[in-house]
Amino acid sequence: MRMENYVDILKQHLKTSVRKLKLGRKWVFQMDNDPKHTSEVVAKWLKDNKVKVLEWPLQSADLNLIENVWAELKKHVQARRPTNLTQLHQRCQAKRLTQVKQFKGNATKY
């Protein structure tokens, strides 16, 4: 993803999400220090839109719990050994669809 794409995502979703989550005015935005997140273009947009950003250390897997989630996801995807996107989709959906059938269309853990 390029920094311009990231700004577009922020423009489209950040303020809408804040409203939907009813965060009020005292919310703080957190992001990692990926270069596209810390670029001048992004910093300017955040400043112009008065977004308060939480300062965060570089590559702190112990603090960035999402990194652990990504690692687990990667491990599970690799275990299914897909060779293309179609296989990836099919292999990830099988368990999910089984649960949907089991719960007769009601909520599942997915």
PDB file of N, CA and C in Angstrom:
ATOM      1  N   MET A   1       0.845  -1.173   0.000  1.00  0.00           N
ATOM      2  CA  MET A   1       0.000   0.000   0.000  1.00  0.00           C
ATOM      3  C   MET A   1       0.894   1.241   0.000  1.00  0.00           C
ATOM      4  N   ARG A   2       0.454   2.238  -0.723  1.00  0.00           N
ATOM      5  CA  ARG A   2       1.202   3.490  -0.767  1.00  0.00           C
ATOM      6  C   ARG A   2       0.593   4.481   0.217  1.00  0.00           C
ATOM      7  N   MET A   3       1.371   5.481   0.600  1.00  0.00           N
ATOM      8  CA  MET A   3       0.897   6.452   1.592  1.00  0.00           C
ATOM      9  C   MET A   3      -0.369   7.171   1.136  1.00  0.00           C
ATOM     10  N   GLU A   4      -0.497   7.409  -0.167  1.00  0.00           N
ATOM     11  CA  GLU A   4      -1.697   8.071  -0.683  1.00  0.00           C
ATOM     12  C   GLU A   4      -2.929   7.196  -0.479  1.00  0.00           C
ATOM     13  N   ASN A   5      -2.756   5.897  -0.628  1.00  0.00           N
ATOM     14  CA  ASN A   5      -3.865   4.971  -0.378  1.00  0.00           C
ATOM     15  C   ASN A   5      -4.257   4.998   1.096  1.00  0.00           C
ATOM     16  N   TYR A   6      -3.258   5.088   1.955  1.00  0.00           N
ATOM     17  CA  TYR A   6      -3.524   5.129   3.395  1.00  0.00           C
ATOM     18  C   TYR A   6      -4.312   6.384   3.754  1.00  0.00           C
ATOM     19  N   VAL A   7      -3.918   7.519   3.183  1.00  0.00           N
ATOM     20  CA  VAL A   7      -4.652   8.766   3.429  1.00  0.00           C
ATOM     21  C   VAL A   7      -6.092   8.625   2.933  1.00  0.00           C
ATOM     22  N   ASP A   8      -6.279   8.018   1.780  1.00  0.00           N
ATOM     23  CA  ASP A   8      -7.638   7.805   1.264  1.00  0.00           C
ATOM     24  C   ASP A   8      -8.468   6.970   2.232  1.00  0.00           C
ATOM     25  N   ILE A   9      -7.863   5.940   2.805  1.00  0.00           N
ATOM     26  CA  ILE A   9      -8.567   5.098   3.783  1.00  0.00           C
ATOM     27  C   ILE A   9      -8.944   5.923   5.008  1.00  0.00           C
ATOM     28  N   LEU A  10      -8.009   6.726   5.489  1.00  0.00           N
ATOM     29  CA  LEU A  10      -8.301   7.583   6.641  1.00  0.00           C
ATOM     30  C   LEU A  10      -9.446   8.543   6.322  1.00  0.00           C
ATOM     31  N   LYS A  11      -9.381   9.171   5.158  1.00  0.00           N
ATOM     32  CA  LYS A  11     -10.431  10.120   4.750  1.00  0.00           C
ATOM     33  C   LYS A  11     -11.796   9.448   4.726  1.00  0.00           C
ATOM     34  N   GLN A  12     -11.839   8.255   4.190  1.00  0.00           N
ATOM     35  CA  GLN A  12     -13.115   7.561   4.021  1.00  0.00           C
ATOM     36  C   GLN A  12     -13.663   6.964   5.313  1.00  0.00           C
ATOM     37  N   HIS A  13     -12.772   6.561   6.223  1.00  0.00           N
ATOM     38  CA  HIS A  13     -13.253   5.735   7.332  1.00  0.00           C
ATOM     39  C   HIS A  13     -12.984   6.247   8.747  1.00  0.00           C
ATOM     40  N   LEU A  14     -11.982   7.070   8.959  1.00  0.00           N
ATOM     41  CA  LEU A  14     -11.606   7.410  10.337  1.00  0.00           C
ATOM     42  C   LEU A  14     -12.718   8.146  11.076  1.00  0.00           C
ATOM     43  N   LYS A  15     -13.153   9.261  10.543  1.00  0.00           N
ATOM     44  CA  LYS A  15     -14.175  10.042  11.254  1.00  0.00           C
ATOM     45  C   LYS A  15     -15.512   9.306  11.323  1.00  0.00           C
ATOM     46  N   THR A  16     -15.836   8.565  10.286  1.00  0.00           N
ATOM     47  CA  THR A  16     -17.062   7.765  10.297  1.00  0.00           C
ATOM     48  C   THR A  16     -17.005   6.732  11.416  1.00  0.00           C
ATOM     49  N   SER A  17     -15.861   6.085  11.567  1.00  0.00           N
ATOM     50  CA  SER A  17     -15.694   5.082  12.626  1.00  0.00           C
ATOM     51  C   SER A  17     -15.793   5.714  14.003  1.00  0.00           C
ATOM     52  N   VAL A  18     -15.202   6.888  14.162  1.00  0.00           N
ATOM     53  CA  VAL A  18     -15.269   7.589  15.454  1.00  0.00           C
ATOM     54  C   VAL A  18     -16.727   7.875  15.812  1.00  0.00           C
ATOM     55  N   ARG A  19     -17.499   8.323  14.829  1.00  0.00           N
ATOM     56  CA  ARG A  19     -18.924   8.598  15.072  1.00  0.00           C
ATOM     57  C   ARG A  19     -19.686   7.317  15.405  1.00  0.00           C
ATOM     58  N   LYS A  20     -19.488   6.277  14.609  1.00  0.00           N
ATOM     59  CA  LYS A  20     -20.216   5.022  14.829  1.00  0.00           C
ATOM     60  C   LYS A  20     -19.883   4.394  16.177  1.00  0.00           C
ATOM     61  N   LEU A  21     -18.628   4.544  16.597  1.00  0.00           N
ATOM     62  CA  LEU A  21     -18.207   3.979  17.880  1.00  0.00           C
ATOM     63  C   LEU A  21     -18.530   4.891  19.058  1.00  0.00           C
ATOM     64  N   LYS A  22     -19.069   6.072  18.746  1.00  0.00           N
ATOM     65  CA  LYS A  22     -19.459   7.058  19.767  1.00  0.00           C
ATOM     66  C   LYS A  22     -18.300   7.370  20.708  1.00  0.00           C
ATOM     67  N   LEU A  23     -17.148   7.685  20.116  1.00  0.00           N
ATOM     68  CA  LEU A  23     -15.952   7.953  20.913  1.00  0.00           C
ATOM     69  C   LEU A  23     -15.897   9.377  21.455  1.00  0.00           C
ATOM     70  N   GLY A  24     -16.759  10.242  20.975  1.00  0.00           N
ATOM     71  CA  GLY A  24     -16.745  11.624  21.444  1.00  0.00           C
ATOM     72  C   GLY A  24     -15.536  12.371  20.913  1.00  0.00           C
ATOM     73  N   ARG A  25     -15.051  13.340  21.691  1.00  0.00           N
ATOM     74  CA  ARG A  25     -13.949  14.185  21.230  1.00  0.00           C
ATOM     75  C   ARG A  25     -12.589  13.787  21.798  1.00  0.00           C
ATOM     76  N   LYS A  26     -12.549  12.939  22.789  1.00  0.00           N
ATOM     77  CA  LYS A  26     -11.287  12.660  23.487  1.00  0.00           C
ATOM     78  C   LYS A  26     -10.656  11.338  23.084  1.00  0.00           C
ATOM     79  N   TRP A  27     -10.762  10.961  21.845  1.00  0.00           N
ATOM     80  CA  TRP A  27     -10.163   9.723  21.372  1.00  0.00           C
ATOM     81  C   TRP A  27      -8.754   9.991  20.861  1.00  0.00           C
ATOM     82  N   VAL A  28      -7.952   8.931  20.836  1.00  0.00           N
ATOM     83  CA  VAL A  28      -6.571   9.009  20.352  1.00  0.00           C
ATOM     84  C   VAL A  28      -6.396   7.903  19.315  1.00  0.00           C
ATOM     85  N   PHE A  29      -5.758   8.245  18.207  1.00  0.00           N
ATOM     86  CA  PHE A  29      -5.549   7.300  17.114  1.00  0.00           C
ATOM     87  C   PHE A  29      -4.209   6.607  17.296  1.00  0.00           C
ATOM     88  N   GLN A  30      -4.184   5.289  17.141  1.00  0.00           N
ATOM     89  CA  GLN A  30      -2.944   4.527  17.245  1.00  0.00           C
ATOM     90  C   GLN A  30      -2.651   3.844  15.922  1.00  0.00           C
ATOM     91  N   MET A  31      -1.412   3.910  15.512  1.00  0.00           N
ATOM     92  CA  MET A  31      -0.949   3.190  14.324  1.00  0.00           C
ATOM     93  C   MET A  31       0.499   2.813  14.569  1.00  0.00           C
ATOM     94  N   ASP A  32       0.981   1.830  13.832  1.00  0.00           N
ATOM     95  CA  ASP A  32       2.384   1.472  14.002  1.00  0.00           C
ATOM     96  C   ASP A  32       3.250   2.457  13.214  1.00  0.00           C
ATOM     97  N   ASN A  33       4.529   2.262  13.239  1.00  0.00           N
ATOM     98  CA  ASN A  33       5.450   3.200  12.596  1.00  0.00           C
ATOM     99  C   ASN A  33       5.884   2.753  11.210  1.00  0.00           C
ATOM    100  N   ASP A  34       5.003   2.070  10.521  1.00  0.00           N
ATOM    101  CA  ASP A  34       5.258   1.719   9.130  1.00  0.00           C
ATOM    102  C   ASP A  34       5.534   3.020   8.365  1.00  0.00           C
ATOM    103  N   PRO A  35       6.478   3.013   7.430  1.00  0.00           N
ATOM    104  CA  PRO A  35       6.817   4.247   6.708  1.00  0.00           C
ATOM    105  C   PRO A  35       5.619   4.959   6.072  1.00  0.00           C
ATOM    106  N   LYS A  36       4.652   4.221   5.565  1.00  0.00           N
ATOM    107  CA  LYS A  36       3.496   4.903   4.969  1.00  0.00           C
ATOM    108  C   LYS A  36       2.656   5.610   6.028  1.00  0.00           C
ATOM    109  N   HIS A  37       2.689   5.140   7.255  1.00  0.00           N
ATOM    110  CA  HIS A  37       1.928   5.770   8.329  1.00  0.00           C
ATOM    111  C   HIS A  37       2.608   7.034   8.838  1.00  0.00           C
ATOM    112  N   THR A  38       3.922   7.082   8.739  1.00  0.00           N
ATOM    113  CA  THR A  38       4.674   8.214   9.293  1.00  0.00           C
ATOM    114  C   THR A  38       5.138   9.194   8.218  1.00  0.00           C
ATOM    115  N   SER A  39       4.679   9.027   7.009  1.00  0.00           N
ATOM    116  CA  SER A  39       5.093   9.916   5.916  1.00  0.00           C
ATOM    117  C   SER A  39       4.586  11.338   6.156  1.00  0.00           C
ATOM    118  N   GLU A  40       5.210  12.288   5.490  1.00  0.00           N
ATOM    119  CA  GLU A  40       4.803  13.689   5.612  1.00  0.00           C
ATOM    120  C   GLU A  40       3.366  13.892   5.143  1.00  0.00           C
ATOM    121  N   VAL A  41       2.983  13.186   4.095  1.00  0.00           N
ATOM    122  CA  VAL A  41       1.621  13.304   3.559  1.00  0.00           C
ATOM    123  C   VAL A  41       0.597  12.899   4.622  1.00  0.00           C
ATOM    124  N   VAL A  42       0.841  11.787   5.276  1.00  0.00           N
ATOM    125  CA  VAL A  42      -0.070  11.298   6.312  1.00  0.00           C
ATOM    126  C   VAL A  42      -0.033  12.226   7.523  1.00  0.00           C
ATOM    127  N   ALA A  43       1.162  12.617   7.947  1.00  0.00           N
ATOM    128  CA  ALA A  43       1.297  13.517   9.101  1.00  0.00           C
ATOM    129  C   ALA A  43       0.537  14.819   8.864  1.00  0.00           C
ATOM    130  N   LYS A  44       0.636  15.354   7.665  1.00  0.00           N
ATOM    131  CA  LYS A  44      -0.075  16.599   7.335  1.00  0.00           C
ATOM    132  C   LYS A  44      -1.581  16.391   7.402  1.00  0.00           C
ATOM    133  N   TRP A  45      -2.070  15.283   6.840  1.00  0.00           N
ATOM    134  CA  TRP A  45      -3.510  15.028   6.874  1.00  0.00           C
ATOM    135  C   TRP A  45      -3.994  14.895   8.317  1.00  0.00           C
ATOM    136  N   LEU A  46      -3.255  14.160   9.124  1.00  0.00           N
ATOM    137  CA  LEU A  46      -3.640  13.984  10.526  1.00  0.00           C
ATOM    138  C   LEU A  46      -3.654  15.323  11.257  1.00  0.00           C
ATOM    139  N   LYS A  47      -2.638  16.142  11.022  1.00  0.00           N
ATOM    140  CA  LYS A  47      -2.566  17.461  11.665  1.00  0.00           C
ATOM    141  C   LYS A  47      -3.703  18.355  11.184  1.00  0.00           C
ATOM    142  N   ASP A  48      -3.918  18.406   9.872  1.00  0.00           N
ATOM    143  CA  ASP A  48      -4.983  19.244   9.304  1.00  0.00           C
ATOM    144  C   ASP A  48      -6.358  18.842   9.816  1.00  0.00           C
ATOM    145  N   ASN A  49      -6.521  17.567  10.141  1.00  0.00           N
ATOM    146  CA  ASN A  49      -7.803  17.063  10.623  1.00  0.00           C
ATOM    147  C   ASN A  49      -7.851  16.916  12.138  1.00  0.00           C
ATOM    148  N   LYS A  50      -6.851  17.496  12.799  1.00  0.00           N
ATOM    149  CA  LYS A  50      -6.793  17.537  14.271  1.00  0.00           C
ATOM    150  C   LYS A  50      -6.934  16.154  14.913  1.00  0.00           C
ATOM    151  N   VAL A  51      -6.224  15.186  14.336  1.00  0.00           N
ATOM    152  CA  VAL A  51      -6.236  13.826  14.866  1.00  0.00           C
ATOM    153  C   VAL A  51      -5.064  13.683  15.830  1.00  0.00           C
ATOM    154  N   LYS A  52      -5.370  13.371  17.079  1.00  0.00           N
ATOM    155  CA  LYS A  52      -4.325  13.147  18.076  1.00  0.00           C
ATOM    156  C   LYS A  52      -3.819  11.713  17.914  1.00  0.00           C
ATOM    157  N   VAL A  53      -2.504  11.583  17.727  1.00  0.00           N
ATOM    158  CA  VAL A  53      -1.904  10.269  17.474  1.00  0.00           C
ATOM    159  C   VAL A  53      -1.069   9.842  18.678  1.00  0.00           C
ATOM    160  N   LEU A  54      -1.261   8.612  19.115  1.00  0.00           N
ATOM    161  CA  LEU A  54      -0.483   8.048  20.209  1.00  0.00           C
ATOM    162  C   LEU A  54       0.920   7.731  19.715  1.00  0.00           C
ATOM    163  N   GLU A  55       1.927   8.244  20.383  1.00  0.00           N
ATOM    164  CA  GLU A  55       3.303   7.920  20.006  1.00  0.00           C
ATOM    165  C   GLU A  55       3.565   6.467  20.361  1.00  0.00           C
ATOM    166  N   TRP A  56       4.268   5.779  19.482  1.00  0.00           N
ATOM    167  CA  TRP A  56       4.431   4.340  19.625  1.00  0.00           C
ATOM    168  C   TRP A  56       5.830   3.938  19.197  1.00  0.00           C
ATOM    169  N   PRO A  57       6.500   3.040  19.936  1.00  0.00           N
ATOM    170  CA  PRO A  57       7.858   2.624  19.554  1.00  0.00           C
ATOM    171  C   PRO A  57       7.858   1.775  18.286  1.00  0.00           C
ATOM    172  N   LEU A  58       8.994   1.777  17.622  1.00  0.00           N
ATOM    173  CA  LEU A  58       9.151   0.984  16.404  1.00  0.00           C
ATOM    174  C   LEU A  58       9.193  -0.508  16.717  1.00  0.00           C
ATOM    175  N   GLN A  59       8.565  -1.290  15.898  1.00  0.00           N
ATOM    176  CA  GLN A  59       8.617  -2.750  15.926  1.00  0.00           C
ATOM    177  C   GLN A  59       8.609  -3.347  17.335  1.00  0.00           C
ATOM    178  N   SER A  60       7.561  -3.083  18.061  1.00  0.00           N
ATOM    179  CA  SER A  60       7.412  -3.601  19.422  1.00  0.00           C
ATOM    180  C   SER A  60       6.326  -4.663  19.447  1.00  0.00           C
ATOM    181  N   ALA A  61       6.681  -5.862  19.038  1.00  0.00           N
ATOM    182  CA  ALA A  61       5.690  -6.945  18.974  1.00  0.00           C
ATOM    183  C   ALA A  61       5.034  -7.192  20.326  1.00  0.00           C
ATOM    184  N   ASP A  62       5.769  -6.948  21.406  1.00  0.00           N
ATOM    185  CA  ASP A  62       5.200  -7.146  22.736  1.00  0.00           C
ATOM    186  C   ASP A  62       4.106  -6.123  23.036  1.00  0.00           C
ATOM    187  N   LEU A  63       4.167  -4.962  22.401  1.00  0.00           N
ATOM    188  CA  LEU A  63       3.137  -3.945  22.595  1.00  0.00           C
ATOM    189  C   LEU A  63       2.087  -3.975  21.485  1.00  0.00           C
ATOM    190  N   ASN A  64       2.490  -4.355  20.299  1.00  0.00           N
ATOM    191  CA  ASN A  64       1.580  -4.420  19.155  1.00  0.00           C
ATOM    192  C   ASN A  64       1.007  -5.825  19.051  1.00  0.00           C
ATOM    193  N   LEU A  65      -0.047  -6.075  19.789  1.00  0.00           N
ATOM    194  CA  LEU A  65      -0.630  -7.413  19.827  1.00  0.00           C
ATOM    195  C   LEU A  65      -1.088  -7.885  18.456  1.00  0.00           C
ATOM    196  N   ILE A  66      -1.418  -6.952  17.570  1.00  0.00           N
ATOM    197  CA  ILE A  66      -1.861  -7.346  16.236  1.00  0.00           C
ATOM    198  C   ILE A  66      -0.766  -8.118  15.511  1.00  0.00           C
ATOM    199  N   GLU A  67       0.500  -7.841  15.840  1.00  0.00           N
ATOM    200  CA  GLU A  67       1.602  -8.568  15.202  1.00  0.00           C
ATOM    201  C   GLU A  67       1.515 -10.057  15.528  1.00  0.00           C
ATOM    202  N   ASN A  68       1.103 -10.379  16.746  1.00  0.00           N
ATOM    203  CA  ASN A  68       0.923 -11.780  17.126  1.00  0.00           C
ATOM    204  C   ASN A  68      -0.248 -12.405  16.370  1.00  0.00           C
ATOM    205  N   VAL A  69      -1.295 -11.626  16.164  1.00  0.00           N
ATOM    206  CA  VAL A  69      -2.444 -12.114  15.398  1.00  0.00           C
ATOM    207  C   VAL A  69      -2.025 -12.408  13.964  1.00  0.00           C
ATOM    208  N   TRP A  70      -1.265 -11.473  13.357  1.00  0.00           N
ATOM    209  CA  TRP A  70      -0.801 -11.687  11.976  1.00  0.00           C
ATOM    210  C   TRP A  70       0.071 -12.939  11.888  1.00  0.00           C
ATOM    211  N   ALA A  71       0.919 -13.164  12.878  1.00  0.00           N
ATOM    212  CA  ALA A  71       1.793 -14.343  12.870  1.00  0.00           C
ATOM    213  C   ALA A  71       0.966 -15.631  12.926  1.00  0.00           C
ATOM    214  N   GLU A  72      -0.059 -15.651  13.781  1.00  0.00           N
ATOM    215  CA  GLU A  72      -0.933 -16.828  13.875  1.00  0.00           C
ATOM    216  C   GLU A  72      -1.688 -17.054  12.573  1.00  0.00           C
ATOM    217  N   LEU A  73      -2.197 -15.972  12.006  1.00  0.00           N
ATOM    218  CA  LEU A  73      -2.922 -16.081  10.745  1.00  0.00           C
ATOM    219  C   LEU A  73      -2.021 -16.633   9.646  1.00  0.00           C
ATOM    220  N   LYS A  74      -0.810 -16.107   9.577  1.00  0.00           N
ATOM    221  CA  LYS A  74       0.149 -16.570   8.567  1.00  0.00           C
ATOM    222  C   LYS A  74       0.422 -18.068   8.736  1.00  0.00           C
ATOM    223  N   LYS A  75       0.599 -18.504   9.990  1.00  0.00           N
ATOM    224  CA  LYS A  75       0.864 -19.916  10.271  1.00  0.00           C
ATOM    225  C   LYS A  75      -0.297 -20.798   9.800  1.00  0.00           C
ATOM    226  N   HIS A  76      -1.525 -20.374  10.086  1.00  0.00           N
ATOM    227  CA  HIS A  76      -2.700 -21.160   9.696  1.00  0.00           C
ATOM    228  C   HIS A  76      -2.889 -21.183   8.181  1.00  0.00           C
ATOM    229  N   VAL A  77      -2.626 -20.066   7.534  1.00  0.00           N
ATOM    230  CA  VAL A  77      -2.754 -20.021   6.068  1.00  0.00           C
ATOM    231  C   VAL A  77      -1.705 -20.924   5.430  1.00  0.00           C
ATOM    232  N   GLN A  78      -0.471 -20.835   5.901  1.00  0.00           N
ATOM    233  CA  GLN A  78       0.598 -21.658   5.335  1.00  0.00           C
ATOM    234  C   GLN A  78       0.332 -23.148   5.539  1.00  0.00           C
ATOM    235  N   ALA A  79      -0.322 -23.510   6.633  1.00  0.00           N
ATOM    236  CA  ALA A  79      -0.629 -24.918   6.899  1.00  0.00           C
ATOM    237  C   ALA A  79      -1.602 -25.486   5.864  1.00  0.00           C
ATOM    238  N   ARG A  80      -2.414 -24.624   5.282  1.00  0.00           N
ATOM    239  CA  ARG A  80      -3.378 -25.069   4.265  1.00  0.00           C
ATOM    240  C   ARG A  80      -2.739 -25.179   2.883  1.00  0.00           C
ATOM    241  N   ARG A  81      -1.567 -24.659   2.721  1.00  0.00           N
ATOM    242  CA  ARG A  81      -0.764 -24.721   1.490  1.00  0.00           C
ATOM    243  C   ARG A  81      -1.518 -24.336   0.213  1.00  0.00           C
ATOM    244  N   PRO A  82      -2.141 -23.179   0.205  1.00  0.00           N
ATOM    245  CA  PRO A  82      -2.788 -22.760  -1.044  1.00  0.00           C
ATOM    246  C   PRO A  82      -1.731 -22.339  -2.069  1.00  0.00           C
ATOM    247  N   THR A  83      -2.023 -22.584  -3.331  1.00  0.00           N
ATOM    248  CA  THR A  83      -1.084 -22.175  -4.383  1.00  0.00           C
ATOM    249  C   THR A  83      -1.602 -20.972  -5.164  1.00  0.00           C
ATOM    250  N   ASN A  84      -2.857 -20.577  -4.886  1.00  0.00           N
ATOM    251  CA  ASN A  84      -3.400 -19.385  -5.533  1.00  0.00           C
ATOM    252  C   ASN A  84      -4.528 -18.824  -4.663  1.00  0.00           C
ATOM    253  N   LEU A  85      -5.062 -17.680  -5.038  1.00  0.00           N
ATOM    254  CA  LEU A  85      -6.094 -17.030  -4.227  1.00  0.00           C
ATOM    255  C   LEU A  85      -7.385 -17.840  -4.151  1.00  0.00           C
ATOM    256  N   THR A  86      -7.734 -18.507  -5.218  1.00  0.00           N
ATOM    257  CA  THR A  86      -8.951 -19.322  -5.211  1.00  0.00           C
ATOM    258  C   THR A  86      -8.834 -20.441  -4.184  1.00  0.00           C
ATOM    259  N   GLN A  87      -7.707 -21.129  -4.175  1.00  0.00           N
ATOM    260  CA  GLN A  87      -7.486 -22.191  -3.184  1.00  0.00           C
ATOM    261  C   GLN A  87      -7.487 -21.619  -1.769  1.00  0.00           C
ATOM    262  N   LEU A  88      -6.864 -20.487  -1.591  1.00  0.00           N
ATOM    263  CA  LEU A  88      -6.834 -19.856  -0.265  1.00  0.00           C
ATOM    264  C   LEU A  88      -8.258 -19.610   0.219  1.00  0.00           C
ATOM    265  N   HIS A  89      -9.074 -19.032  -0.618  1.00  0.00           N
ATOM    266  CA  HIS A  89     -10.459 -18.741  -0.253  1.00  0.00           C
ATOM    267  C   HIS A  89     -11.221 -20.022   0.074  1.00  0.00           C
ATOM    268  N   GLN A  90     -11.107 -21.020  -0.778  1.00  0.00           N
ATOM    269  CA  GLN A  90     -11.824 -22.280  -0.566  1.00  0.00           C
ATOM    270  C   GLN A  90     -11.392 -22.955   0.730  1.00  0.00           C
ATOM    271  N   ARG A  91     -10.121 -22.991   0.982  1.00  0.00           N
ATOM    272  CA  ARG A  91      -9.611 -23.695   2.165  1.00  0.00           C
ATOM    273  C   ARG A  91      -9.916 -22.952   3.458  1.00  0.00           C
ATOM    274  N   CYS A  92     -10.036 -21.656   3.391  1.00  0.00           N
ATOM    275  CA  CYS A  92     -10.365 -20.882   4.592  1.00  0.00           C
ATOM    276  C   CYS A  92     -11.863 -20.898   4.877  1.00  0.00           C
ATOM    277  N   GLN A  93     -12.676 -21.115   3.860  1.00  0.00           N
ATOM    278  CA  GLN A  93     -14.125 -21.079   4.028  1.00  0.00           C
ATOM    279  C   GLN A  93     -14.718 -22.399   4.505  1.00  0.00           C
ATOM    280  N   ALA A  94     -14.053 -23.506   4.263  1.00  0.00           N
ATOM    281  CA  ALA A  94     -14.639 -24.821   4.552  1.00  0.00           C
ATOM    282  C   ALA A  94     -15.111 -24.945   6.000  1.00  0.00           C
ATOM    283  N   LYS A  95     -14.258 -24.639   6.951  1.00  0.00           N
ATOM    284  CA  LYS A  95     -14.602 -24.765   8.368  1.00  0.00           C
ATOM    285  C   LYS A  95     -15.728 -23.794   8.733  1.00  0.00           C
ATOM    286  N   ARG A  96     -15.636 -22.606   8.188  1.00  0.00           N
ATOM    287  CA  ARG A  96     -16.640 -21.582   8.459  1.00  0.00           C
ATOM    288  C   ARG A  96     -18.019 -22.022   7.964  1.00  0.00           C
ATOM    289  N   LEU A  97     -18.077 -22.538   6.752  1.00  0.00           N
ATOM    290  CA  LEU A  97     -19.358 -22.970   6.192  1.00  0.00           C
ATOM    291  C   LEU A  97     -19.939 -24.154   6.952  1.00  0.00           C
ATOM    292  N   THR A  98     -19.078 -25.038   7.432  1.00  0.00           N
ATOM    293  CA  THR A  98     -19.536 -26.164   8.248  1.00  0.00           C
ATOM    294  C   THR A  98     -20.239 -25.647   9.500  1.00  0.00           C
ATOM    295  N   GLN A  99     -19.657 -24.634  10.138  1.00  0.00           N
ATOM    296  CA  GLN A  99     -20.285 -24.082  11.343  1.00  0.00           C
ATOM    297  C   GLN A  99     -21.592 -23.369  11.026  1.00  0.00           C
ATOM    298  N   VAL A 100     -21.641 -22.661   9.912  1.00  0.00           N
ATOM    299  CA  VAL A 100     -22.878 -21.982   9.522  1.00  0.00           C
ATOM    300  C   VAL A 100     -23.994 -23.011   9.364  1.00  0.00           C
ATOM    301  N   LYS A 101     -23.693 -24.135   8.715  1.00  0.00           N
ATOM    302  CA  LYS A 101     -24.683 -25.213   8.559  1.00  0.00           C
ATOM    303  C   LYS A 101     -25.071 -25.788   9.919  1.00  0.00           C
ATOM    304  N   GLN A 102     -24.066 -26.037  10.758  1.00  0.00           N
ATOM    305  CA  GLN A 102     -24.307 -26.623  12.081  1.00  0.00           C
ATOM    306  C   GLN A 102     -25.224 -25.728  12.916  1.00  0.00           C
ATOM    307  N   PHE A 103     -25.045 -24.415  12.821  1.00  0.00           N
ATOM    308  CA  PHE A 103     -25.836 -23.474  13.611  1.00  0.00           C
ATOM    309  C   PHE A 103     -27.062 -22.969  12.849  1.00  0.00           C
ATOM    310  N   LYS A 104     -27.347 -23.628  11.718  1.00  0.00           N
ATOM    311  CA  LYS A 104     -28.533 -23.335  10.903  1.00  0.00           C
ATOM    312  C   LYS A 104     -28.652 -21.847  10.567  1.00  0.00           C
ATOM    313  N   GLY A 105     -27.518 -21.261  10.199  1.00  0.00           N
ATOM    314  CA  GLY A 105     -27.514 -19.861   9.777  1.00  0.00           C
ATOM    315  C   GLY A 105     -27.423 -18.855  10.902  1.00  0.00           C
ATOM    316  N   ASN A 106     -27.479 -19.314  12.142  1.00  0.00           N
ATOM    317  CA  ASN A 106     -27.357 -18.391  13.272  1.00  0.00           C
ATOM    318  C   ASN A 106     -25.890 -18.033  13.498  1.00  0.00           C
ATOM    319  N   ALA A 107     -25.648 -17.163  14.448  1.00  0.00           N
ATOM    320  CA  ALA A 107     -24.294 -16.675  14.720  1.00  0.00           C
ATOM    321  C   ALA A 107     -23.340 -17.819  15.048  1.00  0.00           C
ATOM    322  N   THR A 108     -22.120 -17.700  14.551  1.00  0.00           N
ATOM    323  CA  THR A 108     -21.056 -18.656  14.843  1.00  0.00           C
ATOM    324  C   THR A 108     -19.910 -17.885  15.473  1.00  0.00           C
ATOM    325  N   LYS A 109     -18.842 -18.590  15.810  1.00  0.00           N
ATOM    326  CA  LYS A 109     -17.681 -17.899  16.373  1.00  0.00           C
ATOM    327  C   LYS A 109     -16.939 -17.090  15.310  1.00  0.00           C
ATOM    328  N   TYR A 110     -17.305 -17.264  14.046  1.00  0.00           N
ATOM    329  CA  TYR A 110     -16.680 -16.511  12.971  1.00  0.00           C
ATOM    330  C   TYR A 110     -17.405 -15.213  12.792  1.00  0.00           C
TER     331      TYR A 110
END
